[in-house]
PDB file of N, CA and C in Angstrom:
ATOM      1  N   UNK A   1      13.786 238.294 248.531  1.00  0.00           N
ATOM      2  CA  UNK A   1      14.402 238.208 249.844  1.00  0.00           C
ATOM      3  C   UNK A   1      15.709 238.716 249.755  1.00  0.00           C
ATOM      4  N   UNK A   2      16.111 239.525 250.824  1.00  0.00           N
ATOM      5  CA  UNK A   2      17.489 239.967 250.924  1.00  0.00           C
ATOM      6  C   UNK A   2      17.911 239.688 252.206  1.00  0.00           C
ATOM      7  N   UNK A   3      19.102 239.150 252.453  1.00  0.00           N
ATOM      8  CA  UNK A   3      19.729 238.870 253.803  1.00  0.00           C
ATOM      9  C   UNK A   3      20.957 239.578 253.948  1.00  0.00           C
ATOM     10  N   UNK A   4      20.948 240.777 254.738  1.00  0.00           N
ATOM     11  CA  UNK A   4      22.236 241.355 254.918  1.00  0.00           C
ATOM     12  C   UNK A   4      23.151 240.694 256.071  1.00  0.00           C
ATOM     13  N   UNK A   5      24.328 240.794 255.774  1.00  0.00           N
ATOM     14  CA  UNK A   5      25.310 240.278 256.787  1.00  0.00           C
ATOM     15  C   UNK A   5      26.442 241.389 256.842  1.00  0.00           C
ATOM     16  N   UNK A   6      26.348 242.109 258.037  1.00  0.00           N
ATOM     17  CA  UNK A   6      27.033 243.319 258.292  1.00  0.00           C
ATOM     18  C   UNK A   6      28.033 243.044 259.461  1.00  0.00           C
ATOM     19  N   UNK A   7      29.183 243.594 259.502  1.00  0.00           N
ATOM     20  CA  UNK A   7      30.094 243.379 260.613  1.00  0.00           C
ATOM     21  C   UNK A   7      29.489 243.910 261.975  1.00  0.00           C
ATOM     22  N   UNK A   8      28.659 244.974 261.911  1.00  0.00           N
ATOM     23  CA  UNK A   8      28.023 245.512 262.999  1.00  0.00           C
ATOM     24  C   UNK A   8      26.639 245.024 263.333  1.00  0.00           C
ATOM     25  N   UNK A   9      26.278 244.141 262.672  1.00  0.00           N
ATOM     26  CA  UNK A   9      24.900 243.545 262.854  1.00  0.00           C
ATOM     27  C   UNK A   9      24.654 242.782 264.204  1.00  0.00           C
ATOM     28  N   UNK A  10      23.538 242.744 264.854  1.00  0.00           N
ATOM     29  CA  UNK A  10      23.224 241.927 265.983  1.00  0.00           C
ATOM     30  C   UNK A  10      23.556 240.485 265.581  1.00  0.00           C
ATOM     31  N   UNK A  11      24.198 239.770 266.647  1.00  0.00           N
ATOM     32  CA  UNK A  11      24.524 238.447 266.355  1.00  0.00           C
ATOM     33  C   UNK A  11      23.444 237.444 266.910  1.00  0.00           C
ATOM     34  N   UNK A  12      22.695 237.010 265.858  1.00  0.00           N
ATOM     35  CA  UNK A  12      21.518 236.101 266.208  1.00  0.00           C
ATOM     36  C   UNK A  12      22.003 234.817 266.772  1.00  0.00           C
ATOM     37  N   UNK A  13      21.333 234.177 267.560  1.00  0.00           N
ATOM     38  CA  UNK A  13      21.506 232.860 268.305  1.00  0.00           C
ATOM     39  C   UNK A  13      21.578 231.796 267.054  1.00  0.00           C
ATOM     40  N   UNK A  14      22.567 230.825 267.207  1.00  0.00           N
ATOM     41  CA  UNK A  14      22.822 229.852 266.328  1.00  0.00           C
ATOM     42  C   UNK A  14      22.351 228.611 266.868  1.00  0.00           C
ATOM     43  N   UNK A  15      21.986 227.556 266.053  1.00  0.00           N
ATOM     44  CA  UNK A  15      21.791 226.350 266.524  1.00  0.00           C
ATOM     45  C   UNK A  15      22.971 225.394 266.764  1.00  0.00           C
ATOM     46  N   UNK A  16      22.988 224.660 267.779  1.00  0.00           N
ATOM     47  CA  UNK A  16      24.107 223.804 268.037  1.00  0.00           C
ATOM     48  C   UNK A  16      24.196 222.701 266.993  1.00  0.00           C
ATOM     49  N   UNK A  17      25.431 222.573 266.317  1.00  0.00           N
ATOM     50  CA  UNK A  17      25.564 221.496 265.414  1.00  0.00           C
ATOM     51  C   UNK A  17      26.650 220.467 265.864  1.00  0.00           C
ATOM     52  N   UNK A  18      27.198 220.646 267.157  1.00  0.00           N
ATOM     53  CA  UNK A  18      28.045 219.583 267.604  1.00  0.00           C
ATOM     54  C   UNK A  18      29.537 219.814 267.393  1.00  0.00           C
ATOM     55  N   UNK A  19      30.182 218.763 266.975  1.00  0.00           N
ATOM     56  CA  UNK A  19      31.624 218.868 266.779  1.00  0.00           C
ATOM     57  C   UNK A  19      31.890 218.780 265.299  1.00  0.00           C
ATOM     58  N   UNK A  20      33.186 219.145 265.031  1.00  0.00           N
ATOM     59  CA  UNK A  20      33.401 219.076 263.447  1.00  0.00           C
ATOM     60  C   UNK A  20      33.004 217.714 262.739  1.00  0.00           C
ATOM     61  N   UNK A  21      33.165 216.594 263.581  1.00  0.00           N
ATOM     62  CA  UNK A  21      32.691 215.245 262.883  1.00  0.00           C
ATOM     63  C   UNK A  21      31.264 215.316 262.539  1.00  0.00           C
ATOM     64  N   UNK A  22      30.411 216.026 263.294  1.00  0.00           N
ATOM     65  CA  UNK A  22      29.075 216.027 262.977  1.00  0.00           C
ATOM     66  C   UNK A  22      28.747 216.844 261.760  1.00  0.00           C
ATOM     67  N   UNK A  23      29.689 217.477 261.105  1.00  0.00           N
ATOM     68  CA  UNK A  23      29.474 218.212 259.849  1.00  0.00           C
ATOM     69  C   UNK A  23      30.419 217.600 258.773  1.00  0.00           C
ATOM     70  N   UNK A  24      30.926 216.460 259.028  1.00  0.00           N
ATOM     71  CA  UNK A  24      31.819 215.754 258.043  1.00  0.00           C
ATOM     72  C   UNK A  24      33.303 216.100 257.977  1.00  0.00           C
ATOM     73  N   UNK A  25      33.886 216.694 259.092  1.00  0.00           N
ATOM     74  CA  UNK A  25      35.114 217.144 259.235  1.00  0.00           C
ATOM     75  C   UNK A  25      35.803 216.307 260.303  1.00  0.00           C
ATOM     76  N   UNK A  26      37.197 216.455 260.519  1.00  0.00           N
ATOM     77  CA  UNK A  26      37.930 215.779 261.429  1.00  0.00           C
ATOM     78  C   UNK A  26      38.755 216.767 262.278  1.00  0.00           C
ATOM     79  N   UNK A  27      38.536 216.618 263.639  1.00  0.00           N
ATOM     80  CA  UNK A  27      39.172 217.518 264.565  1.00  0.00           C
ATOM     81  C   UNK A  27      40.658 217.105 264.501  1.00  0.00           C
ATOM     82  N   UNK A  28      41.442 218.172 264.563  1.00  0.00           N
ATOM     83  CA  UNK A  28      42.956 217.991 264.617  1.00  0.00           C
ATOM     84  C   UNK A  28      43.540 218.422 265.995  1.00  0.00           C
ATOM     85  N   UNK A  29      42.859 219.435 266.460  1.00  0.00           N
ATOM     86  CA  UNK A  29      43.270 220.073 267.768  1.00  0.00           C
ATOM     87  C   UNK A  29      42.029 220.739 268.377  1.00  0.00           C
ATOM     88  N   UNK A  30      41.633 220.185 269.453  1.00  0.00           N
ATOM     89  CA  UNK A  30      40.328 220.752 270.012  1.00  0.00           C
ATOM     90  C   UNK A  30      40.234 220.370 271.502  1.00  0.00           C
ATOM     91  N   UNK A  31      39.005 220.308 271.962  1.00  0.00           N
ATOM     92  CA  UNK A  31      37.569 220.131 271.276  1.00  0.00           C
ATOM     93  C   UNK A  31      37.140 221.414 270.611  1.00  0.00           C
ATOM     94  N   UNK A  32      36.320 221.251 269.659  1.00  0.00           N
ATOM     95  CA  UNK A  32      35.737 222.328 269.009  1.00  0.00           C
ATOM     96  C   UNK A  32      34.321 222.200 268.890  1.00  0.00           C
ATOM     97  N   UNK A  33      33.607 223.276 269.123  1.00  0.00           N
ATOM     98  CA  UNK A  33      32.060 223.323 269.157  1.00  0.00           C
ATOM     99  C   UNK A  33      31.695 224.029 267.805  1.00  0.00           C
ATOM    100  N   UNK A  34      30.731 223.397 267.092  1.00  0.00           N
ATOM    101  CA  UNK A  34      30.220 224.275 265.866  1.00  0.00           C
ATOM    102  C   UNK A  34      28.710 224.595 265.985  1.00  0.00           C
ATOM    103  N   UNK A  35      28.376 225.664 265.427  1.00  0.00           N
ATOM    104  CA  UNK A  35      26.996 226.033 265.386  1.00  0.00           C
ATOM    105  C   UNK A  35      26.608 226.744 264.109  1.00  0.00           C
ATOM    106  N   UNK A  36      25.398 226.853 263.928  1.00  0.00           N
ATOM    107  CA  UNK A  36      25.003 227.597 262.685  1.00  0.00           C
ATOM    108  C   UNK A  36      23.501 227.741 262.503  1.00  0.00           C
ATOM    109  N   UNK A  37      23.157 228.470 261.354  1.00  0.00           N
ATOM    110  CA  UNK A  37      21.651 228.656 261.157  1.00  0.00           C
ATOM    111  C   UNK A  37      21.584 228.767 259.698  1.00  0.00           C
ATOM    112  N   UNK A  38      20.861 227.901 258.932  1.00  0.00           N
ATOM    113  CA  UNK A  38      20.538 228.011 257.545  1.00  0.00           C
ATOM    114  C   UNK A  38      19.440 228.940 257.451  1.00  0.00           C
ATOM    115  N   UNK A  39      19.789 230.059 256.600  1.00  0.00           N
ATOM    116  CA  UNK A  39      18.756 231.003 256.494  1.00  0.00           C
ATOM    117  C   UNK A  39      18.071 231.087 255.079  1.00  0.00           C
ATOM    118  N   UNK A  40      18.892 230.372 254.229  1.00  0.00           N
ATOM    119  CA  UNK A  40      18.365 230.235 252.776  1.00  0.00           C
ATOM    120  C   UNK A  40      18.472 228.937 252.275  1.00  0.00           C
ATOM    121  N   UNK A  41      17.463 228.192 251.670  1.00  0.00           N
ATOM    122  CA  UNK A  41      17.635 226.984 251.138  1.00  0.00           C
ATOM    123  C   UNK A  41      17.578 225.902 252.339  1.00  0.00           C
ATOM    124  N   UNK A  42      18.177 224.719 252.036  1.00  0.00           N
ATOM    125  CA  UNK A  42      18.184 223.676 253.011  1.00  0.00           C
ATOM    126  C   UNK A  42      19.645 222.747 252.668  1.00  0.00           C
ATOM    127  N   UNK A  43      19.741 221.807 253.697  1.00  0.00           N
ATOM    128  CA  UNK A  43      20.965 221.011 253.401  1.00  0.00           C
ATOM    129  C   UNK A  43      20.715 220.221 252.215  1.00  0.00           C
ATOM    130  N   UNK A  44      19.536 220.069 251.740  1.00  0.00           N
ATOM    131  CA  UNK A  44      19.223 219.112 250.554  1.00  0.00           C
ATOM    132  C   UNK A  44      19.137 219.963 249.278  1.00  0.00           C
ATOM    133  N   UNK A  45      19.024 221.245 249.376  1.00  0.00           N
ATOM    134  CA  UNK A  45      18.841 222.109 248.213  1.00  0.00           C
ATOM    135  C   UNK A  45      20.304 222.321 247.606  1.00  0.00           C
ATOM    136  N   UNK A  46      20.271 222.584 246.250  1.00  0.00           N
ATOM    137  CA  UNK A  46      21.612 222.825 245.672  1.00  0.00           C
ATOM    138  C   UNK A  46      22.230 224.190 246.004  1.00  0.00           C
ATOM    139  N   UNK A  47      21.432 225.088 246.572  1.00  0.00           N
ATOM    140  CA  UNK A  47      21.932 226.424 246.932  1.00  0.00           C
ATOM    141  C   UNK A  47      21.415 226.673 248.345  1.00  0.00           C
ATOM    142  N   UNK A  48      22.455 227.029 249.275  1.00  0.00           N
ATOM    143  CA  UNK A  48      21.962 227.259 250.660  1.00  0.00           C
ATOM    144  C   UNK A  48      22.888 228.319 251.284  1.00  0.00           C
ATOM    145  N   UNK A  49      22.471 228.921 252.283  1.00  0.00           N
ATOM    146  CA  UNK A  49      23.364 229.941 252.974  1.00  0.00           C
ATOM    147  C   UNK A  49      22.909 230.295 254.283  1.00  0.00           C
ATOM    148  N   UNK A  50      23.708 231.034 255.046  1.00  0.00           N
ATOM    149  CA  UNK A  50      23.360 231.245 256.413  1.00  0.00           C
ATOM    150  C   UNK A  50      24.580 231.833 257.100  1.00  0.00           C
ATOM    151  N   UNK A  51      24.563 231.290 258.427  1.00  0.00           N
ATOM    152  CA  UNK A  51      25.703 231.660 259.428  1.00  0.00           C
ATOM    153  C   UNK A  51      26.164 230.477 259.905  1.00  0.00           C
ATOM    154  N   UNK A  52      27.483 230.406 260.270  1.00  0.00           N
ATOM    155  CA  UNK A  52      28.302 229.300 260.691  1.00  0.00           C
ATOM    156  C   UNK A  52      29.201 229.948 261.767  1.00  0.00           C
ATOM    157  N   UNK A  53      29.500 229.146 262.904  1.00  0.00           N
ATOM    158  CA  UNK A  53      30.398 229.572 263.997  1.00  0.00           C
ATOM    159  C   UNK A  53      31.089 228.385 264.543  1.00  0.00           C
ATOM    160  N   UNK A  54      32.393 228.519 264.930  1.00  0.00           N
ATOM    161  CA  UNK A  54      33.084 227.517 265.544  1.00  0.00           C
ATOM    162  C   UNK A  54      33.998 228.019 266.740  1.00  0.00           C
ATOM    163  N   UNK A  55      34.374 227.249 267.857  1.00  0.00           N
ATOM    164  CA  UNK A  55      35.283 227.759 268.833  1.00  0.00           C
ATOM    165  C   UNK A  55      36.789 227.436 268.391  1.00  0.00           C
ATOM    166  N   UNK A  56      37.643 227.879 269.129  1.00  0.00           N
ATOM    167  CA  UNK A  56      39.087 227.760 268.791  1.00  0.00           C
ATOM    168  C   UNK A  56      39.507 226.379 268.652  1.00  0.00           C
ATOM    169  N   UNK A  57      40.455 226.184 267.706  1.00  0.00           N
ATOM    170  CA  UNK A  57      41.079 224.819 267.476  1.00  0.00           C
ATOM    171  C   UNK A  57      41.349 224.629 266.104  1.00  0.00           C
ATOM    172  N   UNK A  58      41.646 223.451 265.627  1.00  0.00           N
ATOM    173  CA  UNK A  58      41.967 223.006 264.236  1.00  0.00           C
ATOM    174  C   UNK A  58      41.154 221.785 263.744  1.00  0.00           C
ATOM    175  N   UNK A  59      40.656 221.952 262.547  1.00  0.00           N
ATOM    176  CA  UNK A  59      39.985 220.826 262.007  1.00  0.00           C
ATOM    177  C   UNK A  59      40.182 220.723 260.476  1.00  0.00           C
ATOM    178  N   UNK A  60      39.979 219.518 259.802  1.00  0.00           N
ATOM    179  CA  UNK A  60      40.266 219.394 258.428  1.00  0.00           C
ATOM    180  C   UNK A  60      38.973 218.931 257.829  1.00  0.00           C
ATOM    181  N   UNK A  61      38.572 219.556 256.669  1.00  0.00           N
ATOM    182  CA  UNK A  61      37.299 219.258 255.880  1.00  0.00           C
ATOM    183  C   UNK A  61      37.714 219.189 254.439  1.00  0.00           C
ATOM    184  N   UNK A  62      37.291 218.242 253.803  1.00  0.00           N
ATOM    185  CA  UNK A  62      37.003 218.168 252.368  1.00  0.00           C
ATOM    186  C   UNK A  62      35.697 218.654 251.934  1.00  0.00           C
ATOM    187  N   UNK A  63      35.652 219.794 251.300  1.00  0.00           N
ATOM    188  CA  UNK A  63      34.362 220.558 250.881  1.00  0.00           C
ATOM    189  C   UNK A  63      33.432 219.709 250.124  1.00  0.00           C
ATOM    190  N   UNK A  64      32.174 219.398 250.518  1.00  0.00           N
ATOM    191  CA  UNK A  64      31.197 218.755 249.757  1.00  0.00           C
ATOM    192  C   UNK A  64      30.523 219.582 248.754  1.00  0.00           C
ATOM    193  N   UNK A  65      30.887 220.807 248.784  1.00  0.00           N
ATOM    194  CA  UNK A  65      30.079 221.919 247.940  1.00  0.00           C
ATOM    195  C   UNK A  65      31.064 223.087 247.655  1.00  0.00           C
ATOM    196  N   UNK A  66      30.670 224.008 246.618  1.00  0.00           N
ATOM    197  CA  UNK A  66      31.502 225.160 246.541  1.00  0.00           C
ATOM    198  C   UNK A  66      30.996 226.158 247.556  1.00  0.00           C
ATOM    199  N   UNK A  67      31.902 227.076 247.934  1.00  0.00           N
ATOM    200  CA  UNK A  67      31.388 227.947 249.145  1.00  0.00           C
ATOM    201  C   UNK A  67      32.085 229.346 248.876  1.00  0.00           C
ATOM    202  N   UNK A  68      31.311 230.376 249.030  1.00  0.00           N
ATOM    203  CA  UNK A  68      31.740 231.646 249.124  1.00  0.00           C
ATOM    204  C   UNK A  68      31.418 232.142 250.555  1.00  0.00           C
ATOM    205  N   UNK A  69      32.275 232.711 251.509  1.00  0.00           N
ATOM    206  CA  UNK A  69      32.021 233.019 252.696  1.00  0.00           C
ATOM    207  C   UNK A  69      32.822 234.299 253.190  1.00  0.00           C
ATOM    208  N   UNK A  70      32.224 234.965 254.067  1.00  0.00           N
ATOM    209  CA  UNK A  70      32.817 236.277 254.756  1.00  0.00           C
ATOM    210  C   UNK A  70      32.890 236.130 256.128  1.00  0.00           C
ATOM    211  N   UNK A  71      34.045 236.299 256.729  1.00  0.00           N
ATOM    212  CA  UNK A  71      34.284 236.196 258.045  1.00  0.00           C
ATOM    213  C   UNK A  71      33.779 237.496 258.796  1.00  0.00           C
ATOM    214  N   UNK A  72      32.864 237.107 259.841  1.00  0.00           N
ATOM    215  CA  UNK A  72      32.232 238.321 260.432  1.00  0.00           C
ATOM    216  C   UNK A  72      32.958 238.582 261.890  1.00  0.00           C
ATOM    217  N   UNK A  73      33.267 237.534 262.506  1.00  0.00           N
ATOM    218  CA  UNK A  73      33.990 237.683 263.839  1.00  0.00           C
ATOM    219  C   UNK A  73      35.131 236.783 263.932  1.00  0.00           C
ATOM    220  N   UNK A  74      36.310 237.273 264.516  1.00  0.00           N
ATOM    221  CA  UNK A  74      37.380 236.314 264.863  1.00  0.00           C
ATOM    222  C   UNK A  74      38.411 236.385 263.797  1.00  0.00           C
ATOM    223  N   UNK A  75      39.383 235.519 263.934  1.00  0.00           N
ATOM    224  CA  UNK A  75      40.581 235.311 263.111  1.00  0.00           C
ATOM    225  C   UNK A  75      40.759 233.862 262.939  1.00  0.00           C
ATOM    226  N   UNK A  76      41.157 233.505 261.728  1.00  0.00           N
ATOM    227  CA  UNK A  76      41.417 231.953 261.276  1.00  0.00           C
ATOM    228  C   UNK A  76      42.462 232.088 260.165  1.00  0.00           C
ATOM    229  N   UNK A  77      43.157 230.920 260.131  1.00  0.00           N
ATOM    230  CA  UNK A  77      44.037 230.675 258.961  1.00  0.00           C
ATOM    231  C   UNK A  77      43.427 229.456 258.236  1.00  0.00           C
ATOM    232  N   UNK A  78      43.237 229.657 256.868  1.00  0.00           N
ATOM    233  CA  UNK A  78      42.636 228.529 256.081  1.00  0.00           C
ATOM    234  C   UNK A  78      43.966 228.020 255.233  1.00  0.00           C
ATOM    235  N   UNK A  79      44.321 226.713 255.283  1.00  0.00           N
ATOM    236  CA  UNK A  79      45.202 226.258 254.522  1.00  0.00           C
ATOM    237  C   UNK A  79      44.765 225.186 253.325  1.00  0.00           C
ATOM    238  N   UNK A  80      45.006 225.553 252.147  1.00  0.00           N
ATOM    239  CA  UNK A  80      44.575 224.505 250.966  1.00  0.00           C
ATOM    240  C   UNK A  80      45.574 223.478 251.190  1.00  0.00           C
ATOM    241  N   UNK A  81      45.187 222.174 251.524  1.00  0.00           N
ATOM    242  CA  UNK A  81      46.243 221.243 251.691  1.00  0.00           C
ATOM    243  C   UNK A  81      46.752 220.578 250.508  1.00  0.00           C
ATOM    244  N   UNK A  82      46.131 220.970 249.205  1.00  0.00           N
ATOM    245  CA  UNK A  82      46.663 220.458 247.994  1.00  0.00           C
ATOM    246  C   UNK A  82      47.890 221.259 247.529  1.00  0.00           C
ATOM    247  N   UNK A  83      47.680 222.614 247.817  1.00  0.00           N
ATOM    248  CA  UNK A  83      48.715 223.504 247.249  1.00  0.00           C
ATOM    249  C   UNK A  83      49.763 223.996 248.647  1.00  0.00           C
ATOM    250  N   UNK A  84      49.132 223.873 249.819  1.00  0.00           N
ATOM    251  CA  UNK A  84      49.911 224.403 250.882  1.00  0.00           C
ATOM    252  C   UNK A  84      49.726 225.811 251.097  1.00  0.00           C
ATOM    253  N   UNK A  85      49.100 226.556 250.338  1.00  0.00           N
ATOM    254  CA  UNK A  85      48.727 227.934 250.568  1.00  0.00           C
ATOM    255  C   UNK A  85      48.019 228.185 251.799  1.00  0.00           C
ATOM    256  N   UNK A  86      48.475 228.935 252.591  1.00  0.00           N
ATOM    257  CA  UNK A  86      47.839 229.489 253.858  1.00  0.00           C
ATOM    258  C   UNK A  86      47.416 230.830 253.807  1.00  0.00           C
ATOM    259  N   UNK A  87      46.235 231.328 254.067  1.00  0.00           N
ATOM    260  CA  UNK A  87      45.806 232.623 254.315  1.00  0.00           C
ATOM    261  C   UNK A  87      45.204 233.017 255.520  1.00  0.00           C
ATOM    262  N   UNK A  88      45.583 234.008 256.158  1.00  0.00           N
ATOM    263  CA  UNK A  88      44.899 234.494 257.371  1.00  0.00           C
ATOM    264  C   UNK A  88      43.757 235.492 257.057  1.00  0.00           C
ATOM    265  N   UNK A  89      42.615 235.198 257.791  1.00  0.00           N
ATOM    266  CA  UNK A  89      41.432 236.066 257.606  1.00  0.00           C
ATOM    267  C   UNK A  89      41.097 236.613 258.906  1.00  0.00           C
ATOM    268  N   UNK A  90      40.570 237.850 258.772  1.00  0.00           N
ATOM    269  CA  UNK A  90      39.928 238.752 259.900  1.00  0.00           C
ATOM    270  C   UNK A  90      38.516 239.231 259.407  1.00  0.00           C
ATOM    271  N   UNK A  91      37.816 239.875 260.320  1.00  0.00           N
ATOM    272  CA  UNK A  91      36.487 240.309 260.018  1.00  0.00           C
ATOM    273  C   UNK A  91      36.427 241.190 258.704  1.00  0.00           C
ATOM    274  N   UNK A  92      35.543 240.932 257.830  1.00  0.00           N
ATOM    275  CA  UNK A  92      35.344 241.392 256.573  1.00  0.00           C
ATOM    276  C   UNK A  92      35.962 240.911 255.382  1.00  0.00           C
ATOM    277  N   UNK A  93      36.949 239.921 255.707  1.00  0.00           N
ATOM    278  CA  UNK A  93      37.687 239.122 254.625  1.00  0.00           C
ATOM    279  C   UNK A  93      36.743 237.952 254.016  1.00  0.00           C
ATOM    280  N   UNK A  94      37.042 237.681 252.839  1.00  0.00           N
ATOM    281  CA  UNK A  94      36.219 236.710 252.060  1.00  0.00           C
ATOM    282  C   UNK A  94      36.928 235.613 251.439  1.00  0.00           C
ATOM    283  N   UNK A  95      36.423 234.472 251.110  1.00  0.00           N
ATOM    284  CA  UNK A  95      37.065 233.456 250.291  1.00  0.00           C
ATOM    285  C   UNK A  95      36.105 232.711 249.528  1.00  0.00           C
ATOM    286  N   UNK A  96      36.582 232.029 248.472  1.00  0.00           N
ATOM    287  CA  UNK A  96      35.861 231.078 247.808  1.00  0.00           C
ATOM    288  C   UNK A  96      36.611 229.730 247.672  1.00  0.00           C
ATOM    289  N   UNK A  97      35.967 228.710 248.109  1.00  0.00           N
ATOM    290  CA  UNK A  97      36.621 227.393 248.140  1.00  0.00           C
ATOM    291  C   UNK A  97      35.777 226.317 247.160  1.00  0.00           C
ATOM    292  N   UNK A  98      36.516 225.736 246.326  1.00  0.00           N
ATOM    293  CA  UNK A  98      35.888 224.716 245.462  1.00  0.00           C
ATOM    294  C   UNK A  98      35.529 223.501 246.129  1.00  0.00           C
ATOM    295  N   UNK A  99      34.457 222.808 245.698  1.00  0.00           N
ATOM    296  CA  UNK A  99      34.135 221.668 245.982  1.00  0.00           C
ATOM    297  C   UNK A  99      35.267 220.620 245.888  1.00  0.00           C
ATOM    298  N   UNK A 100      35.331 219.739 246.797  1.00  0.00           N
ATOM    299  CA  UNK A 100      36.519 218.661 246.759  1.00  0.00           C
ATOM    300  C   UNK A 100      37.751 219.056 247.268  1.00  0.00           C
ATOM    301  N   UNK A 101      38.031 220.459 247.594  1.00  0.00           N
ATOM    302  CA  UNK A 101      39.292 220.968 248.228  1.00  0.00           C
ATOM    303  C   UNK A 101      39.363 220.466 249.644  1.00  0.00           C
ATOM    304  N   UNK A 102      40.437 220.037 250.156  1.00  0.00           N
ATOM    305  CA  UNK A 102      40.606 219.718 251.407  1.00  0.00           C
ATOM    306  C   UNK A 102      41.352 220.929 252.107  1.00  0.00           C
ATOM    307  N   UNK A 103      40.792 221.375 253.332  1.00  0.00           N
ATOM    308  CA  UNK A 103      41.320 222.677 253.849  1.00  0.00           C
ATOM    309  C   UNK A 103      41.374 222.424 255.401  1.00  0.00           C
ATOM    310  N   UNK A 104      42.531 222.817 255.920  1.00  0.00           N
ATOM    311  CA  UNK A 104      42.845 222.858 257.357  1.00  0.00           C
ATOM    312  C   UNK A 104      42.340 224.182 257.881  1.00  0.00           C
ATOM    313  N   UNK A 105      41.391 224.170 258.801  1.00  0.00           N
ATOM    314  CA  UNK A 105      40.890 225.317 259.476  1.00  0.00           C
ATOM    315  C   UNK A 105      41.611 225.486 260.758  1.00  0.00           C
ATOM    316  N   UNK A 106      42.339 226.587 260.991  1.00  0.00           N
ATOM    317  CA  UNK A 106      43.026 226.845 262.258  1.00  0.00           C
ATOM    318  C   UNK A 106      42.400 228.222 262.810  1.00  0.00           C
ATOM    319  N   UNK A 107      41.481 227.974 263.777  1.00  0.00           N
ATOM    320  CA  UNK A 107      40.745 228.988 264.382  1.00  0.00           C
ATOM    321  C   UNK A 107      41.533 229.530 265.588  1.00  0.00           C
ATOM    322  N   UNK A 108      42.076 230.852 265.323  1.00  0.00           N
ATOM    323  CA  UNK A 108      43.090 231.385 266.212  1.00  0.00           C
ATOM    324  C   UNK A 108      42.486 232.189 267.365  1.00  0.00           C
ATOM    325  N   UNK A 109      41.237 232.660 267.186  1.00  0.00           N
ATOM    326  CA  UNK A 109      40.584 233.494 268.170  1.00  0.00           C
ATOM    327  C   UNK A 109      39.638 232.428 268.961  1.00  0.00           C
ATOM    328  N   UNK A 110      39.016 232.937 270.048  1.00  0.00           N
ATOM    329  CA  UNK A 110      38.167 232.178 270.834  1.00  0.00           C
ATOM    330  C   UNK A 110      37.049 231.485 270.060  1.00  0.00           C
ATOM    331  N   UNK A 111      36.668 232.385 268.977  1.00  0.00           N
ATOM    332  CA  UNK A 111      35.590 231.764 268.140  1.00  0.00           C
ATOM    333  C   UNK A 111      35.622 232.509 266.878  1.00  0.00           C
ATOM    334  N   UNK A 112      34.917 232.005 265.849  1.00  0.00           N
ATOM    335  CA  UNK A 112      34.679 232.785 264.518  1.00  0.00           C
ATOM    336  C   UNK A 112      33.196 232.618 264.137  1.00  0.00           C
ATOM    337  N   UNK A 113      32.913 233.496 263.400  1.00  0.00           N
ATOM    338  CA  UNK A 113      31.553 233.499 262.721  1.00  0.00           C
ATOM    339  C   UNK A 113      31.548 233.998 261.340  1.00  0.00           C
ATOM    340  N   UNK A 114      30.978 233.272 260.496  1.00  0.00           N
ATOM    341  CA  UNK A 114      30.960 233.640 259.015  1.00  0.00           C
ATOM    342  C   UNK A 114      29.610 233.640 258.504  1.00  0.00           C
ATOM    343  N   UNK A 115      29.275 234.281 257.496  1.00  0.00           N
ATOM    344  CA  UNK A 115      28.170 234.162 256.559  1.00  0.00           C
ATOM    345  C   UNK A 115      28.727 233.312 255.403  1.00  0.00           C
ATOM    346  N   UNK A 116      27.829 232.628 254.843  1.00  0.00           N
ATOM    347  CA  UNK A 116      28.243 231.711 253.696  1.00  0.00           C
ATOM    348  C   UNK A 116      27.116 231.469 252.677  1.00  0.00           C
ATOM    349  N   UNK A 117      27.505 231.095 251.563  1.00  0.00           N
ATOM    350  CA  UNK A 117      26.647 230.673 250.473  1.00  0.00           C
ATOM    351  C   UNK A 117      27.378 229.393 249.824  1.00  0.00           C
ATOM    352  N   UNK A 118      26.548 228.196 249.764  1.00  0.00           N
ATOM    353  CA  UNK A 118      27.080 226.930 249.375  1.00  0.00           C
ATOM    354  C   UNK A 118      26.297 226.454 248.198  1.00  0.00           C
ATOM    355  N   UNK A 119      26.983 226.032 247.302  1.00  0.00           N
ATOM    356  CA  UNK A 119      26.480 225.620 245.955  1.00  0.00           C
ATOM    357  C   UNK A 119      27.017 224.112 245.722  1.00  0.00           C
ATOM    358  N   UNK A 120      26.061 223.081 245.472  1.00  0.00           N
ATOM    359  CA  UNK A 120      26.476 221.836 245.114  1.00  0.00           C
ATOM    360  C   UNK A 120      26.728 221.698 243.612  1.00  0.00           C
ATOM    361  N   UNK A 121      27.500 220.689 243.195  1.00  0.00           N
ATOM    362  CA  UNK A 121      27.680 220.455 241.784  1.00  0.00           C
ATOM    363  C   UNK A 121      26.396 220.097 241.092  1.00  0.00           C
ATOM    364  N   UNK A 122      25.406 219.452 241.767  1.00  0.00           N
ATOM    365  CA  UNK A 122      24.222 219.287 241.104  1.00  0.00           C
ATOM    366  C   UNK A 122      23.560 220.465 240.404  1.00  0.00           C
ATOM    367  N   UNK A 123      23.662 221.628 241.180  1.00  0.00           N
ATOM    368  CA  UNK A 123      23.123 222.903 240.565  1.00  0.00           C
ATOM    369  C   UNK A 123      23.860 223.459 239.414  1.00  0.00           C
ATOM    370  N   UNK A 124      25.259 222.949 239.221  1.00  0.00           N
ATOM    371  CA  UNK A 124      25.853 223.360 238.070  1.00  0.00           C
ATOM    372  C   UNK A 124      25.278 222.843 236.852  1.00  0.00           C
ATOM    373  N   UNK A 125      24.822 221.601 236.934  1.00  0.00           N
ATOM    374  CA  UNK A 125      24.285 220.976 235.839  1.00  0.00           C
ATOM    375  C   UNK A 125      22.990 221.638 235.276  1.00  0.00           C
ATOM    376  N   UNK A 126      22.433 222.365 236.148  1.00  0.00           N
ATOM    377  CA  UNK A 126      21.063 222.990 235.888  1.00  0.00           C
ATOM    378  C   UNK A 126      21.329 224.378 235.241  1.00  0.00           C
ATOM    379  N   UNK A 127      22.550 224.989 235.289  1.00  0.00           N
ATOM    380  CA  UNK A 127      22.861 226.258 234.772  1.00  0.00           C
ATOM    381  C   UNK A 127      23.058 226.155 233.369  1.00  0.00           C
TER     382      UNK A 127
END
């Protein structure tokens, strides 16, 4: 299986996931609507990936998994709250966030969309 994620790809419809609180985060400035589509694995598998989107606002999340993601649409700033480092991302930019890291998401455009790959610690024990 190969899943391409390109900046000029058609934007498939995503499933409504609710508010940041529905995915384990805390809204700081909102309201924010989040949506997504898991295209590889599942929420219970040690490896999963797909698409995620959110509307403008700020939320805080402590990552329950390791993540590699690439921003497809919009602009956001991610702040590692442990170090205070803030990086601004635009379409085509990528990041890696380690499990357990608390990050402040500041979505500066009307919405963002990213592709992501998530890996849980349980899968590390298997490698």
